[in-house]
C-alpha cells in the first residue's frame, strides 16, 4: 500500500489538514534539502516525536544542531512546506541497553502550517491489535503504509512491542526499510496513535514499536499534553523507586506475578485476601503491580543502576519479575462506585476498558486480547455487593482477566464473589495448587539439606536449610479435611484460608530457595578454590617445582584450610591467592611467562 492508500481523514479541519501529523525528517543543509533521515509525528503546532537514532549523527553519535522537518502530505499546496527544528531540552534519550530508550522530541522554529490533532493513546493490551505504519522510504515521495499485528512485549525491560507485518509476500513491497524509523503506528479500526516505530529485523518482516506508556515514562511533561488514556496505576498507588528497590520478597507477589505473566497454573480470575492491618502485604502488592507497568516500573523508570548481584533487584532474583507492560489496568474501588463512579480517573478507566473489550471482541480472526485488570477492594466499594459482582462478571465475560483483591471474608461482596464470579470447583483446584507448592517446598528443602551436608565439614557457619515443609503439609491435610464436608463452591471463609495458606507457602518457598541458592554459592566457591589450588600446583609440577621450599608452606596452609576442617571461606581464598602469587613468581623465574 503506497501513497494515500488509507483514505480516512485524521481529524484535520481543512483541506490541508489531511494527515497533517505525518512529517518527514531530513538532514539540515544550508544549501537546501539533505538526505531523508526518517519519519516523525507532529503534536500540536510545534512538537515532533521521533527516534533519537533517526537524527543522530552516525559519525559522532551526537545529536545535530538542527533538523529539517517537512510536511509532504498537506493537500492543495504547490510546494512541500518545511521548518527547521532543534531537540527540546531534556527530551533526548539515546538508545541504551538492549532496545531501550531511543526517543527524541523536536521543537519547530516556527509553527507548523497546519496544527496536528493527534495524541498518543495508552492501550491496555497491545497483543493482537492490527496496526497501520506509515513511513517515507527512498523514492516514495508520498510515503508508504504497511499493515501489521502487535504480538507482545520486546526488548530489555519490555519497553517495546513487537509488530509482525501482515498481507506481505514476495514482491508485495510489505517490508520495513530505511525511512520508517520514527513513523507513527495507528490502530486499525480506531485510528488511535499507539506509538512510533523504532527498529526492524534484517529482513524487514518484524518491527518494534515504542508505545505511548514508554514515551510517557521518559518524557513526563510531553505526556501531560499529548498522551491520553488512563494510567495503568492510579496515582495514589504509585510506589517510589526506593520502595521497590528495597522491598523484601513476599509470597503473595508470586501469585500476582504468575497471574500477570499468564502462567499455566494461573487462573484468569484470581482472588487475593489481604488482612486489614497487613501493611507489608499491601505494599508488596503495590510494588509488584508497579513493576508490571511500563510507565511506572520503578527499576526501569530511570537508567539502569546496580540493584545487587548481577544488577538484578532482590525481587527479580527471587523470581518476582512480572513482564513490564503485563498489567492493563488497576481499578481501586475503595470508597468508589462501580456504577456511575464519581472519580474522573476511575470513570475514564472503566470507559476505556469497556471500549477496548468491545473492540477486541469484534476483531476476528485476529487473536482476542485479554487485558489484565487488578480490582482493589471491591468489598469496600460504594456499590451494592451483588451489583459489583455482576459488573465484574460482565468484564470477565467480555475478556478481561481479573485479580480481585479483598480484605474481609465476612463482607457481602465476598459471598457474591464465591457464588457468582468463581467456578464451583475453584476451592478444590486451589487446594491442589497449594499442594503442588508444598511439594516444591519439600523438594527445595531436601536439596538444601544435601548441600548443607556437603558444605558443613569445610565451611564455618554455612547458611542453614529451612524446615517449613512439614508444617505446610499439615496445613494441606487440615484444609483437605475441612473441604470434604463442604458442598458446592466453598464459602468465603474457606477461600480466605486458602489465600493465606498459599501466601505463607510461597513465602516459605522463597526462603527455602534463598537458602538453597546461598548454600550452592558457598559450595561452588569452595570447589572453585580447591580447583584453583590444584591447577596452580599442577603448573609447578610441570616445571618440577612442586617441592620448592618457597611453595611448600603456602600450599600446605591453603590445603589445610580447604580440606582439614571448617574454615572461613575468606581465609581460604587469601591462602590460595598467596600460593598463586608464589607460583607466578617461581614460574616467571623459571622462564614460564
Protein backbone atom coordinates (compact mmCIF):
# COMPACT_ATOMS: atom_id res chain seq x y z
CA UNK A 1 0.00 0.00 0.00
CA UNK A 2 1.61 3.21 -1.13
CA UNK A 3 0.91 6.93 -1.07
CA UNK A 4 -2.57 7.80 0.17
CA UNK A 5 -3.90 4.24 0.19
CA UNK A 6 -5.54 4.99 3.53
CA UNK A 7 -8.29 7.48 2.86
CA UNK A 8 -9.79 8.12 6.29
CA UNK A 9 -9.17 11.67 7.44
CA UNK A 10 -7.14 12.07 10.60
CA UNK A 11 -9.23 14.84 12.06
CA UNK A 12 -7.87 17.91 10.27
CA UNK A 13 -10.44 20.64 9.82
CA UNK A 14 -9.24 21.96 6.45
CA UNK A 15 -8.32 20.51 3.05
CA UNK A 16 -4.68 20.84 4.01
CA UNK A 17 -5.24 19.01 7.30
CA UNK A 18 -5.21 15.54 5.76
CA UNK A 19 -2.52 13.52 7.59
CA UNK A 20 -1.11 16.75 8.95
CA UNK A 21 0.64 14.82 11.72
CA UNK A 22 2.87 12.81 9.35
CA UNK A 23 6.24 14.50 8.89
CA UNK A 24 9.46 13.60 7.09
CA UNK A 25 12.83 14.41 8.61
CA UNK A 26 15.84 15.40 6.54
CA UNK A 27 19.40 16.27 7.36
CA UNK A 28 19.58 20.05 7.54
CA UNK A 29 21.75 21.68 4.90
CA UNK A 30 22.21 25.42 4.34
CA UNK A 31 22.24 24.90 0.58
CA UNK A 32 18.93 23.02 0.51
CA UNK A 33 17.38 19.69 1.48
CA UNK A 34 19.66 16.97 2.78
CA UNK A 35 19.19 13.21 2.85
CA UNK A 36 15.99 11.70 4.25
CA UNK A 37 16.61 10.60 7.84
CA UNK A 38 13.27 9.04 8.68
CA UNK A 39 9.82 9.95 9.92
CA UNK A 40 8.22 11.65 12.89
CA UNK A 41 4.85 12.61 14.34
CA UNK A 42 3.72 16.21 14.80
CA UNK A 43 1.88 17.08 18.01
CA UNK A 44 0.09 20.37 18.35
CA UNK A 45 1.77 23.12 16.37
CA UNK A 46 5.45 22.73 17.17
CA UNK A 47 6.46 19.38 18.72
CA UNK A 48 7.73 16.37 16.74
CA UNK A 49 8.29 12.96 18.31
CA UNK A 50 10.82 10.64 16.68
CA UNK A 51 13.61 8.21 17.49
CA UNK A 52 16.94 9.53 18.71
CA UNK A 53 18.86 7.37 16.24
CA UNK A 54 16.96 8.93 13.32
CA UNK A 55 18.55 12.33 13.83
CA UNK A 56 21.82 11.28 15.50
CA UNK A 57 24.99 11.91 13.52
CA UNK A 58 26.31 8.40 12.71
CA UNK A 59 29.90 9.65 12.61
CA UNK A 60 29.96 11.28 16.04
CA UNK A 61 26.96 9.72 17.78
CA UNK A 62 25.86 13.22 18.79
CA UNK A 63 22.55 14.92 18.20
CA UNK A 64 22.53 17.57 15.46
CA UNK A 65 22.16 21.29 15.97
CA UNK A 66 19.10 21.34 13.72
CA UNK A 67 16.92 19.09 11.56
CA UNK A 68 14.68 19.87 8.59
CA UNK A 69 11.04 18.85 9.10
CA UNK A 70 8.82 18.51 6.03
CA UNK A 71 5.06 18.18 5.65
CA UNK A 72 4.73 16.23 2.37
CA UNK A 73 1.11 15.15 2.72
CA UNK A 74 -0.59 18.51 3.10
CA UNK A 75 -3.04 18.80 0.23
CA UNK A 76 -3.64 21.73 -2.09
CA UNK A 77 -0.11 23.12 -1.87
CA UNK A 78 2.29 23.52 -4.81
CA UNK A 79 5.39 23.01 -2.70
CA UNK A 80 6.16 20.87 0.31
CA UNK A 81 6.40 23.21 3.29
CA UNK A 82 9.21 22.69 5.75
CA UNK A 83 10.56 24.00 9.03
CA UNK A 84 13.81 23.71 10.92
CA UNK A 85 13.78 22.17 14.38
CA UNK A 86 16.07 21.58 17.35
CA UNK A 87 15.97 18.98 20.12
CA UNK A 88 13.92 20.15 23.10
CA UNK A 89 15.96 20.44 26.28
CA UNK A 90 15.62 17.34 28.43
CA UNK A 91 13.93 15.37 25.64
CA UNK A 92 16.79 13.36 24.19
CA UNK A 93 17.20 9.71 25.26
CA UNK A 94 19.70 7.85 23.06
CA UNK A 95 19.40 4.09 22.73
CA UNK A 96 20.96 2.10 25.59
CA UNK A 97 20.89 -1.43 26.96
CA UNK A 98 19.06 -3.88 24.74
CA UNK A 99 16.35 -1.97 22.90
CA UNK A 100 15.81 0.74 25.50
CA UNK A 101 15.41 4.49 25.14
CA UNK A 102 15.89 5.87 21.60
CA UNK A 103 13.47 8.81 21.81
CA UNK A 104 13.66 12.50 20.98
CA UNK A 105 11.29 15.46 20.85
CA UNK A 106 11.99 18.29 18.39
CA UNK A 107 10.76 21.88 18.64
CA UNK A 108 9.94 23.66 15.38
CA UNK A 109 11.42 27.12 14.87
CA UNK A 110 8.02 28.38 13.67
CA UNK A 111 4.59 26.74 14.00
CA UNK A 112 3.58 24.03 11.53
CA UNK A 113 1.41 25.05 8.54
CA UNK A 114 -1.50 23.06 9.99
CA UNK A 115 -1.82 22.01 13.65
CA UNK A 116 -1.88 18.31 14.37
CA UNK A 117 -4.97 16.88 16.09
CA UNK A 118 -3.44 13.58 17.19
CA UNK A 119 -2.42 12.36 20.62
CA UNK A 120 -0.70 9.17 21.75
CA UNK A 121 -3.02 6.67 23.38
CA UNK A 122 -2.21 4.29 26.18
CA UNK A 123 -3.61 0.84 25.37
CA UNK A 124 -4.47 -1.79 27.97
CA UNK A 125 -3.13 -4.73 25.98
CA UNK A 126 -1.42 -4.43 22.59
CA UNK A 127 -1.41 -8.14 21.76
CA UNK A 128 -3.45 -8.87 18.64
CA UNK A 129 -4.04 -5.25 17.67
CA UNK A 130 -3.98 -4.69 13.89
CA UNK A 131 -1.97 -1.59 13.05
CA UNK A 132 -1.00 0.69 10.16
CA UNK A 133 2.56 2.02 9.90
CA UNK A 134 3.48 4.95 7.71
CA UNK A 135 6.97 5.89 6.65
CA UNK A 136 9.00 7.64 3.98
CA UNK A 137 11.24 5.10 2.26
CA UNK A 138 13.53 6.22 -0.54
CA UNK A 139 11.81 7.02 -3.84
CA UNK A 140 8.36 7.11 -2.19
CA UNK A 141 7.67 10.83 -2.12
CA UNK A 142 4.14 10.31 -0.82
CA UNK A 143 5.21 7.85 1.81
CA UNK A 144 4.08 4.27 2.25
CA UNK A 145 1.59 2.47 4.52
CA UNK A 146 2.25 -1.02 5.83
CA UNK A 147 -0.05 -3.26 7.87
CA UNK A 148 0.92 -5.38 10.84
CA UNK A 149 -0.22 -7.04 14.03
CA UNK A 150 1.11 -6.45 17.54
CA UNK A 151 2.43 -9.64 19.12
CA UNK A 152 3.71 -8.76 22.55
CA UNK A 153 6.46 -7.03 24.54
CA UNK A 154 10.07 -6.98 23.42
CA UNK A 155 13.47 -5.57 24.27
CA UNK A 156 15.14 -5.26 27.64
CA UNK A 157 12.59 -4.14 30.19
CA UNK A 158 9.86 -4.87 27.63
CA UNK A 159 9.89 -1.20 26.66
CA UNK A 160 8.77 -2.04 23.14
CA UNK A 161 6.06 -4.01 21.37
CA UNK A 162 6.80 -6.44 18.54
CA UNK A 163 4.88 -5.93 15.29
CA UNK A 164 4.73 -8.61 12.58
CA UNK A 165 3.92 -7.35 9.10
CA UNK A 166 0.84 -8.91 7.51
CA UNK A 167 -0.51 -9.16 3.97
CA UNK A 168 3.00 -9.35 2.54
CA UNK A 169 4.77 -11.84 0.37
CA UNK A 170 7.44 -11.78 -2.28
CA UNK A 171 7.27 -8.61 -4.35
CA UNK A 172 4.48 -7.06 -2.30
CA UNK A 173 6.62 -4.20 -1.03
CA UNK A 174 5.50 -5.02 2.51
CA UNK A 175 8.88 -4.56 4.11
CA UNK A 176 10.21 -2.23 6.76
CA UNK A 177 13.25 -0.34 5.50
CA UNK A 178 15.06 2.95 5.81
CA UNK A 179 12.64 5.82 6.26
CA UNK A 180 10.23 4.04 8.62
CA UNK A 181 12.06 4.76 11.87
CA UNK A 182 10.06 7.29 13.89
CA UNK A 183 6.89 6.57 11.91
CA UNK A 184 3.53 6.66 13.65
CA UNK A 185 1.74 3.38 14.40
CA UNK A 186 -2.07 3.61 14.23
CA UNK A 187 -4.59 1.04 15.39
CA UNK A 188 -6.78 -0.08 12.53
CA UNK A 189 -10.47 0.40 13.23
CA UNK A 190 -9.99 3.09 15.86
CA UNK A 191 -7.29 5.23 14.14
CA UNK A 192 -5.72 5.80 17.54
CA UNK A 193 -1.99 6.53 17.51
CA UNK A 194 -0.35 3.85 19.68
CA UNK A 195 3.34 4.74 19.35
CA UNK A 196 6.23 5.14 16.92
CA UNK A 197 8.34 2.56 15.12
CA UNK A 198 11.87 2.22 16.46
CA UNK A 199 13.57 -0.67 14.68
CA UNK A 200 13.12 -3.66 12.38
CA UNK A 201 14.82 -7.01 11.84
CA UNK A 202 17.26 -7.54 8.96
CA UNK A 203 14.57 -8.88 6.62
CA UNK A 204 12.16 -6.07 7.43
CA UNK A 205 9.38 -8.51 8.39
CA UNK A 206 9.21 -7.62 12.08
CA UNK A 207 9.35 -4.23 13.72
CA UNK A 208 9.34 -2.85 17.24
CA UNK A 209 7.13 -0.02 18.40
CA UNK A 210 7.83 2.33 21.29
CA UNK A 211 4.33 2.57 22.81
CA UNK A 212 2.71 5.56 24.46
CA UNK A 213 3.42 4.39 28.01
CA UNK A 214 7.16 4.08 27.31
CA UNK A 215 7.19 7.58 25.82
CA UNK A 216 5.41 8.86 28.94
CA UNK A 217 7.97 7.14 31.16
CA UNK A 218 10.80 9.20 29.71
CA UNK A 219 9.00 12.44 28.83
CA UNK A 220 6.62 13.32 31.66
CA UNK A 221 5.91 16.90 30.57
CA UNK A 222 5.29 15.84 26.98
CA UNK A 223 2.93 13.10 28.22
CA UNK A 224 0.88 15.56 30.23
CA UNK A 225 -0.05 17.35 27.00
CA UNK A 226 -0.03 14.67 24.34
CA UNK A 227 -0.57 11.21 25.89
CA UNK A 228 -4.17 10.26 26.63
CA UNK A 229 -5.95 7.31 28.20
CA UNK A 230 -5.95 6.20 31.83
CA UNK A 231 -2.75 5.42 33.68
CA UNK A 232 -2.49 1.71 34.38
CA UNK A 233 -1.64 2.50 38.02
CA UNK A 234 -3.74 5.16 39.83
CA UNK A 235 -1.57 7.98 41.10
CA UNK A 236 -2.19 7.22 44.78
CA UNK A 237 -0.98 3.61 44.26
CA UNK A 238 2.31 4.52 42.59
CA UNK A 239 5.30 3.47 44.68
CA UNK A 240 8.69 5.14 44.77
CA UNK A 241 11.76 3.65 43.14
CA UNK A 242 13.37 3.27 46.58
CA UNK A 243 10.36 1.33 47.84
CA UNK A 244 10.69 -1.18 45.01
CA UNK A 245 14.48 -1.50 45.26
CA UNK A 246 14.46 -2.19 48.99
CA UNK A 247 11.28 -4.32 49.09
CA UNK A 248 11.60 -7.78 50.59
CA UNK A 249 10.02 -10.65 48.62
CA UNK A 250 6.57 -11.66 49.80
CA UNK A 251 4.69 -14.84 48.98
CA UNK A 252 1.64 -13.09 47.57
CA UNK A 253 3.87 -11.49 44.93
CA UNK A 254 4.45 -14.92 43.42
CA UNK A 255 0.71 -15.39 42.88
CA UNK A 256 0.36 -11.92 41.38
CA UNK A 257 3.40 -12.42 39.13
CA UNK A 258 2.08 -15.75 37.83
CA UNK A 259 -1.26 -14.13 37.07
CA UNK A 260 0.33 -11.13 35.36
CA UNK A 261 2.53 -13.33 33.20
CA UNK A 262 -0.31 -15.70 32.36
CA UNK A 263 1.49 -18.78 33.70
CA UNK A 264 -0.06 -22.18 33.12
CA UNK A 265 -1.13 -22.59 36.76
CA UNK A 266 -2.67 -19.10 36.99
CA UNK A 267 -6.41 -18.56 36.51
CA UNK A 268 -8.00 -15.77 34.53
CA UNK A 269 -9.85 -14.74 37.68
CA UNK A 270 -7.69 -14.85 40.82
CA UNK A 271 -8.68 -13.91 44.36
CA UNK A 272 -6.23 -12.47 46.87
CA UNK A 273 -7.07 -11.75 50.51
CA UNK A 274 -5.05 -9.13 52.39
CA UNK A 275 -5.76 -8.58 56.07
CA UNK A 276 -6.93 -5.13 57.15
CA UNK A 277 -3.81 -4.43 59.22
CA UNK A 278 -1.23 -6.12 56.93
CA UNK A 279 0.57 -3.06 55.60
CA UNK A 280 3.55 -5.13 54.43
CA UNK A 281 1.39 -7.32 52.21
CA UNK A 282 -0.44 -4.32 50.83
CA UNK A 283 2.84 -2.57 49.95
CA UNK A 284 4.18 -5.78 48.40
CA UNK A 285 1.12 -5.88 46.15
CA UNK A 286 1.58 -2.28 45.01
CA UNK A 287 5.27 -2.87 44.30
CA UNK A 288 4.69 -5.85 42.03
CA UNK A 289 1.85 -4.11 40.18
CA UNK A 290 4.10 -1.08 39.60
CA UNK A 291 6.85 -3.37 38.33
CA UNK A 292 4.40 -4.67 35.71
CA UNK A 293 3.58 -1.21 34.35
CA UNK A 294 5.66 0.22 31.51
CA UNK A 295 5.15 3.77 32.68
CA UNK A 296 5.70 3.35 36.41
CA UNK A 297 8.03 0.37 36.66
CA UNK A 298 10.35 1.79 39.33
CA UNK A 299 13.53 -0.09 38.49
CA UNK A 300 13.20 0.87 34.82
CA UNK A 301 11.89 4.43 35.09
CA UNK A 302 15.47 5.73 35.06
CA UNK A 303 18.62 4.39 33.52
CA UNK A 304 19.69 1.04 34.98
CA UNK A 305 21.57 1.10 38.27
CA UNK A 306 23.03 -1.73 40.25
CA UNK A 307 20.48 -3.40 42.47
CA UNK A 308 22.67 -6.20 43.73
CA UNK A 309 24.50 -9.20 42.34
CA UNK A 310 24.37 -9.19 38.57
CA UNK A 311 22.50 -5.90 38.54
CA UNK A 312 19.20 -7.60 39.38
CA UNK A 313 16.81 -6.44 42.05
CA UNK A 314 16.19 -8.59 45.10
CA UNK A 315 12.69 -9.23 43.81
CA UNK A 316 13.92 -10.25 40.37
CA UNK A 317 16.39 -12.69 41.87
CA UNK A 318 13.52 -14.16 43.88
CA UNK A 319 11.57 -14.87 40.70
CA UNK A 320 9.17 -11.97 41.24
CA UNK A 321 9.64 -10.25 37.91
CA UNK A 322 6.39 -9.68 36.02
CA UNK A 323 6.65 -8.73 32.39
CA UNK A 324 6.78 -4.97 32.04
CA UNK A 325 3.55 -3.94 30.36
CA UNK A 326 1.66 -7.00 31.60
CA UNK A 327 -0.76 -5.02 33.76
CA UNK A 328 -3.53 -3.41 31.76
CA UNK A 329 -5.36 -1.51 34.46
CA UNK A 330 -5.70 -1.17 38.23
CA UNK A 331 -9.20 -0.25 39.43
CA UNK A 332 -9.17 0.99 43.02
CA UNK A 333 -12.73 0.67 44.31
CA UNK A 334 -12.11 1.60 47.93
CA UNK A 335 -14.94 4.02 48.70
CA UNK A 336 -15.79 4.28 44.99
CA UNK A 337 -18.79 3.17 42.99
CA UNK A 338 -18.61 0.83 40.03
CA UNK A 339 -21.90 2.15 38.72
CA UNK A 340 -21.52 5.74 37.55
CA UNK A 341 -18.32 6.41 39.54
CA UNK A 342 -17.80 9.97 40.71
CA UNK A 343 -14.00 9.88 40.38
CA UNK A 344 -12.99 11.08 36.87
CA UNK A 345 -9.95 8.77 36.70
CA UNK A 346 -11.98 5.66 37.58
CA UNK A 347 -14.78 6.69 35.24
CA UNK A 348 -12.35 7.12 32.34
CA UNK A 349 -10.59 3.82 33.13
CA UNK A 350 -13.85 1.86 33.09
CA UNK A 351 -14.98 3.55 29.86
CA UNK A 352 -11.67 2.75 28.13
CA UNK A 353 -11.72 -0.84 29.41
CA UNK A 354 -15.23 -1.48 28.12
CA UNK A 355 -14.39 0.16 24.79
CA UNK A 356 -11.31 -1.99 24.28
CA UNK A 357 -13.09 -5.17 25.30
CA UNK A 358 -15.86 -4.47 22.76
CA UNK A 359 -13.33 -3.66 20.07
CA UNK A 360 -11.29 -6.81 20.81
CA UNK A 361 -14.41 -8.97 20.64
CA UNK A 362 -15.14 -7.68 17.12
CA UNK A 363 -11.61 -8.32 15.92
CA UNK A 364 -11.74 -11.61 14.03
CA UNK A 365 -9.87 -13.69 13.06
CA UNK A 366 -7.10 -11.84 14.90
CA UNK A 367 -6.41 -13.27 18.38
CA UNK A 368 -8.54 -11.84 21.12
CA UNK A 369 -6.69 -9.78 23.66
CA UNK A 370 -7.30 -10.34 27.35
CA UNK A 371 -6.13 -7.32 29.36
CA UNK A 372 -5.09 -7.99 32.96
CA UNK A 373 -7.17 -5.87 35.36
CA UNK A 374 -6.41 -5.74 39.09
CA UNK A 375 -9.51 -4.79 41.10
CA UNK A 376 -8.61 -3.47 44.54
CA UNK A 377 -11.01 -3.67 47.47
CA UNK A 378 -14.35 -4.26 45.77
CA UNK A 379 -15.53 -5.25 49.27
CA UNK A 380 -15.01 -1.58 50.19
CA UNK A 381 -16.89 -0.26 47.17
CA UNK A 382 -19.91 2.01 47.46
CA UNK A 383 -21.71 -0.28 45.00
CA UNK A 384 -24.10 -2.87 46.37
CA UNK A 385 -22.27 -6.27 46.55
CA UNK A 386 -24.45 -8.18 44.10
CA UNK A 387 -24.26 -5.32 41.59
CA UNK A 388 -20.47 -5.09 41.95
CA UNK A 389 -20.17 -8.85 41.35
CA UNK A 390 -22.44 -8.58 38.30
CA UNK A 391 -20.43 -5.75 36.74
CA UNK A 392 -17.11 -7.50 37.34
CA UNK A 393 -18.59 -10.69 35.94
CA UNK A 394 -19.57 -8.83 32.78
CA UNK A 395 -15.98 -7.57 32.42
CA UNK A 396 -14.65 -11.11 32.85
CA UNK A 397 -17.15 -12.49 30.32
CA UNK A 398 -16.06 -9.78 27.87
CA UNK A 399 -12.46 -10.94 28.03
CA UNK A 400 -10.78 -9.21 30.99
CA UNK A 401 -8.53 -11.22 33.28
CA UNK A 402 -9.25 -10.19 36.88
CA UNK A 403 -7.23 -10.12 40.07
CA UNK A 404 -9.74 -9.48 42.85
CA UNK A 405 -8.06 -8.16 46.00
CA UNK A 406 -10.33 -8.18 49.06
CA UNK A 407 -9.84 -7.66 52.77
CA UNK A 408 -12.68 -9.45 54.52
CA UNK A 409 -14.43 -12.79 54.05
CA UNK A 410 -17.44 -11.54 56.02
CA UNK A 411 -18.44 -8.77 53.62
CA UNK A 412 -21.37 -9.30 51.30
CA UNK A 413 -19.18 -8.87 48.23
CA UNK A 414 -17.09 -11.91 49.09
CA UNK A 415 -20.23 -14.04 49.27
CA UNK A 416 -21.29 -12.75 45.86
CA UNK A 417 -17.76 -13.38 44.61
CA UNK A 418 -17.84 -17.00 45.77
CA UNK A 419 -21.27 -17.58 44.27
CA UNK A 420 -21.13 -15.57 41.04
CA UNK A 421 -17.53 -15.00 39.92
CA UNK A 422 -15.71 -18.24 40.70
CA UNK A 423 -16.31 -21.70 39.23
CA UNK A 424 -17.79 -24.31 41.54
CA UNK A 425 -14.57 -26.35 41.55
CA UNK A 426 -12.29 -23.43 42.45
CA UNK A 427 -11.79 -24.42 46.13
CA UNK A 428 -10.65 -27.93 45.16
CA UNK A 429 -8.41 -26.56 42.39
CA UNK A 430 -6.90 -24.05 44.78
CA UNK A 431 -6.13 -26.71 47.38
CA UNK A 432 -4.47 -28.81 44.68
CA UNK A 433 -2.34 -25.85 43.59
CA UNK A 434 -1.24 -25.27 47.19
CA UNK A 435 -0.30 -28.95 47.38
CA UNK A 436 1.91 -28.52 44.33
CA UNK A 437 3.61 -25.58 46.03
CA UNK A 438 4.16 -27.66 49.17
CA UNK A 439 5.76 -30.41 47.08
CA UNK A 440 8.10 -27.83 45.53
CA UNK A 441 8.92 -26.55 49.03
CA UNK A 442 9.75 -30.07 50.24
CA UNK A 443 11.97 -30.73 47.20
CA UNK A 444 13.81 -27.43 47.65
CA UNK A 445 14.44 -28.07 51.34
CA UNK A 446 15.72 -31.60 50.62
CA UNK A 447 18.12 -30.19 48.05
CA UNK A 448 19.25 -27.52 50.52
CA UNK A 449 19.89 -30.13 53.22
CA UNK A 450 22.04 -32.19 50.83
CA UNK A 451 24.06 -29.09 50.02
CA UNK A 452 24.38 -28.26 53.72
CA UNK A 453 25.81 -31.72 54.48
CA UNK A 454 28.42 -31.22 51.75
CA UNK A 455 29.35 -27.72 52.90
CA UNK A 456 29.27 -28.10 56.70
CA UNK A 457 32.55 -30.12 57.04
CA UNK A 458 34.52 -27.44 55.18
CA UNK A 459 32.99 -24.02 55.85
CA UNK A 460 32.43 -22.15 59.09
CA UNK A 461 28.81 -21.02 59.71
CA UNK A 462 27.28 -22.07 56.39
CA UNK A 463 23.73 -20.96 55.56
CA UNK A 464 21.14 -23.20 57.20
CA UNK A 465 18.47 -25.05 55.22
CA UNK A 466 14.90 -24.14 56.16
CA UNK A 467 12.40 -26.63 57.56
CA UNK A 468 8.89 -25.44 56.73
CA UNK A 469 7.65 -28.28 54.52
CA UNK A 470 6.25 -30.47 57.30
CA UNK A 471 4.22 -27.60 58.74
CA UNK A 472 2.91 -26.65 55.27
CA UNK A 473 1.98 -30.26 54.51
CA UNK A 474 -0.03 -30.41 57.75
CA UNK A 475 -1.96 -27.32 56.61
CA UNK A 476 -2.94 -29.00 53.37
CA UNK A 477 -4.21 -32.04 55.28
CA UNK A 478 -6.26 -29.85 57.59
CA UNK A 479 -7.66 -27.82 54.68
CA UNK A 480 -8.45 -31.00 52.78
CA UNK A 481 -10.38 -32.38 55.75
CA UNK A 482 -12.27 -29.09 56.02
CA UNK A 483 -13.12 -29.15 52.31
CA UNK A 484 -14.72 -32.60 52.38
CA UNK A 485 -17.74 -31.61 54.49
CA UNK A 486 -18.30 -28.54 52.32
CA UNK A 487 -20.70 -28.70 49.43
CA UNK A 488 -20.74 -26.57 46.30
CA UNK A 489 -18.14 -23.84 45.92
CA UNK A 490 -16.74 -23.50 49.41
CA UNK A 491 -17.64 -20.41 51.41
CA UNK A 492 -15.76 -17.10 51.59
CA UNK A 493 -14.13 -18.01 54.88
CA UNK A 494 -12.62 -21.16 53.35
CA UNK A 495 -11.40 -19.20 50.33
CA UNK A 496 -9.74 -16.74 52.71
CA UNK A 497 -7.94 -19.62 54.45
CA UNK A 498 -6.75 -20.92 51.10
CA UNK A 499 -5.42 -17.49 50.11
CA UNK A 500 -3.47 -17.02 53.32
CA UNK A 501 -2.16 -20.59 53.19
CA UNK A 502 -0.87 -20.10 49.65
CA UNK A 503 0.78 -16.80 50.57
CA UNK A 504 2.51 -18.47 53.53
CA UNK A 505 3.65 -21.48 51.49
CA UNK A 506 5.03 -19.22 48.77
CA UNK A 507 6.82 -17.12 51.39
CA UNK A 508 8.36 -20.31 52.83
CA UNK A 509 9.31 -21.39 49.31
CA UNK A 510 11.05 -18.06 48.70
CA UNK A 511 13.06 -18.51 51.90
CA UNK A 512 13.93 -22.10 51.04
CA UNK A 513 15.07 -21.11 47.55
CA UNK A 514 17.17 -18.31 49.01
CA UNK A 515 18.82 -20.75 51.46
CA UNK A 516 19.41 -23.33 48.73
CA UNK A 517 20.94 -20.67 46.45
CA UNK A 518 23.21 -19.39 49.23
CA UNK A 519 24.39 -22.92 50.04
CA UNK A 520 25.05 -23.64 46.38
CA UNK A 521 27.10 -20.45 46.09
CA UNK A 522 29.18 -21.43 49.12
CA UNK A 523 29.75 -24.94 47.77
CA UNK A 524 30.65 -23.63 44.31
CA UNK A 525 33.11 -21.16 45.82
CA UNK A 526 34.72 -23.90 47.93
CA UNK A 527 35.06 -26.16 44.88
CA UNK A 528 36.43 -23.26 42.83
CA UNK A 529 39.16 -22.59 45.39
CA UNK A 530 40.08 -26.28 45.51
CA UNK A 531 40.28 -26.32 41.72
CA UNK A 532 42.50 -23.25 41.68
CA UNK A 533 44.81 -24.75 44.26
CA UNK A 534 45.05 -27.97 42.22
CA UNK A 535 45.72 -26.09 38.98
CA UNK A 536 48.45 -23.92 40.49
CA UNK A 537 50.16 -26.99 41.96
CA UNK A 538 49.99 -28.74 38.58
CA UNK A 539 51.64 -25.73 36.96
CA UNK A 540 54.56 -26.04 39.38
CA UNK A 541 54.72 -29.81 38.92
CA UNK A 542 55.14 -29.42 35.16
CA UNK A 543 58.29 -27.41 35.93
CA UNK A 544 59.50 -29.76 38.62
CA UNK A 545 58.96 -27.07 41.25
CA UNK A 546 56.23 -28.70 43.34
CA UNK A 547 58.64 -29.27 46.24
CA UNK A 548 60.30 -25.89 46.04
CA UNK A 549 60.81 -24.57 49.59
CA UNK A 550 59.05 -21.28 48.81
CA UNK A 551 55.93 -23.17 47.62
CA UNK A 552 55.56 -25.94 50.17
CA UNK A 553 54.48 -23.77 53.09
CA UNK A 554 51.86 -21.67 51.27
CA UNK A 555 50.44 -24.77 49.57
CA UNK A 556 50.07 -26.71 52.81
CA UNK A 557 48.40 -23.73 54.50
CA UNK A 558 45.82 -23.41 51.73
CA UNK A 559 45.27 -27.18 51.59
CA UNK A 560 44.84 -27.35 55.37
CA UNK A 561 42.19 -24.62 55.31
CA UNK A 562 40.25 -26.18 52.44
CA UNK A 563 40.43 -29.86 53.44
CA UNK A 564 41.17 -30.35 57.13
CA UNK A 565 38.10 -28.83 58.72
CA UNK A 566 35.64 -25.95 58.72
CA UNK A 567 37.22 -22.62 57.87
CA UNK A 568 36.07 -19.16 56.83
CA UNK A 569 36.00 -19.05 53.05
CA UNK A 570 37.66 -15.65 53.12
CA UNK A 571 40.71 -17.16 54.89
CA UNK A 572 40.88 -19.98 52.35
CA UNK A 573 40.69 -17.51 49.46
CA UNK A 574 43.52 -15.42 50.91
CA UNK A 575 45.67 -18.55 51.29
CA UNK A 576 45.02 -19.73 47.73
CA UNK A 577 45.76 -16.23 46.42
CA UNK A 578 49.06 -16.16 48.36
CA UNK A 579 50.04 -19.55 46.90
CA UNK A 580 49.11 -18.32 43.40
CA UNK A 581 51.50 -15.37 43.80
CA UNK A 582 54.32 -17.74 44.73
CA UNK A 583 53.53 -19.95 41.72
CA UNK A 584 53.62 -17.00 39.32
CA UNK A 585 56.93 -15.76 40.73
CA UNK A 586 58.58 -19.19 40.52
CA UNK A 587 57.20 -19.85 37.04
CA UNK A 588 58.39 -16.49 35.73
CA UNK A 589 61.83 -17.07 37.24
CA UNK A 590 61.93 -20.45 35.52
CA UNK A 591 61.04 -18.84 32.19
CA UNK A 592 57.31 -19.67 32.07
CA UNK A 593 55.92 -16.21 31.38
